[in-house]
Amino acid sequence: MYKNMHTTLDIPSELIEEAMRETGAKTKSQLIKDALQAQIDRAKRKRLLASKGKIDLDIDLDVFRKRK
């Protein structure tokens, strides 16, 4: 799904070390991938929560419950 990209980043080693200790990440690459995915997930949740009450799904819960 993703194409790997090599890049150089200037991140304080203390920050990387602490993040690896706290998260249990085994490699720097895994730490960065997990952090990026977590940031993406937070942004998506925030966008979804912002739409709360604005989407009309027109669902009849009584009909839905009877199907089960």
Protein backbone atom coordinates (compact mmCIF):
# COMPACT_ATOMS: atom_id res chain seq x y z
CA MET A 1 0.00 0.00 0.00
CA TYR A 2 2.74 2.45 0.94
CA LYS A 3 5.93 3.13 -0.94
CA ASN A 4 8.90 3.41 1.41
CA MET A 5 10.67 6.74 1.50
CA HIS A 6 14.06 7.46 2.99
CA THR A 7 14.44 10.86 4.60
CA THR A 8 16.67 12.64 7.03
CA LEU A 9 15.08 14.21 10.09
CA ASP A 10 16.62 16.33 12.81
CA ILE A 11 14.92 14.97 15.96
CA PRO A 12 16.51 15.26 19.40
CA SER A 13 17.88 11.86 20.40
CA GLU A 14 16.46 12.28 23.93
CA LEU A 15 12.98 12.63 22.44
CA ILE A 16 13.39 9.51 20.31
CA GLU A 17 14.79 7.52 23.24
CA GLU A 18 11.98 8.56 25.57
CA ALA A 19 9.32 7.83 22.97
CA MET A 20 10.80 4.38 22.33
CA ARG A 21 10.88 3.63 26.07
CA GLU A 22 7.32 4.84 26.64
CA THR A 23 5.79 3.14 23.61
CA GLY A 24 7.87 -0.02 23.51
CA ALA A 25 8.81 0.58 19.88
CA LYS A 26 11.69 -1.66 18.86
CA THR A 27 13.01 0.52 16.03
CA LYS A 28 13.05 4.21 15.17
CA SER A 29 11.22 3.44 11.94
CA GLN A 30 8.42 1.69 13.80
CA LEU A 31 8.23 4.54 16.29
CA ILE A 32 7.82 7.11 13.51
CA LYS A 33 5.27 4.96 11.61
CA ASP A 34 3.22 4.47 14.78
CA ALA A 35 3.39 8.17 15.63
CA LEU A 36 2.29 9.19 12.14
CA GLN A 37 -0.58 6.69 12.18
CA ALA A 38 -1.68 7.94 15.61
CA GLN A 39 -1.68 11.53 14.32
CA ILE A 40 -3.72 10.52 11.26
CA ASP A 41 -6.19 8.62 13.47
CA ARG A 42 -6.59 11.66 15.78
CA ALA A 43 -7.23 13.96 12.83
CA LYS A 44 -9.85 11.59 11.40
CA ARG A 45 -11.61 11.24 14.79
CA LYS A 46 -11.61 15.02 15.19
CA ARG A 47 -13.15 15.46 11.74
CA LEU A 48 -15.74 12.77 12.47
CA LEU A 49 -16.66 14.31 15.83
CA ALA A 50 -17.04 17.71 14.16
CA SER A 51 -19.77 16.22 11.96
CA LYS A 52 -21.73 14.91 14.97
CA GLY A 53 -25.39 15.80 14.58
CA LYS A 54 -24.93 17.08 11.04
CA ILE A 55 -25.52 13.81 9.17
CA ASP A 56 -29.08 12.55 8.71
CA LEU A 57 -28.92 8.81 8.12
CA ASP A 58 -32.72 8.41 8.05
CA ILE A 59 -32.60 5.14 10.00
CA ASP A 60 -35.69 3.63 11.61
CA LEU A 61 -34.30 1.94 14.71
CA ASP A 62 -37.46 -0.11 15.26
CA VAL A 63 -37.14 -1.66 11.79
CA PHE A 64 -33.42 -2.21 12.32
CA ARG A 65 -33.92 -3.96 15.67
CA LYS A 66 -36.58 -6.29 14.23
CA ARG A 67 -34.12 -7.54 11.57
CA LYS A 68 -31.86 -9.11 14.17
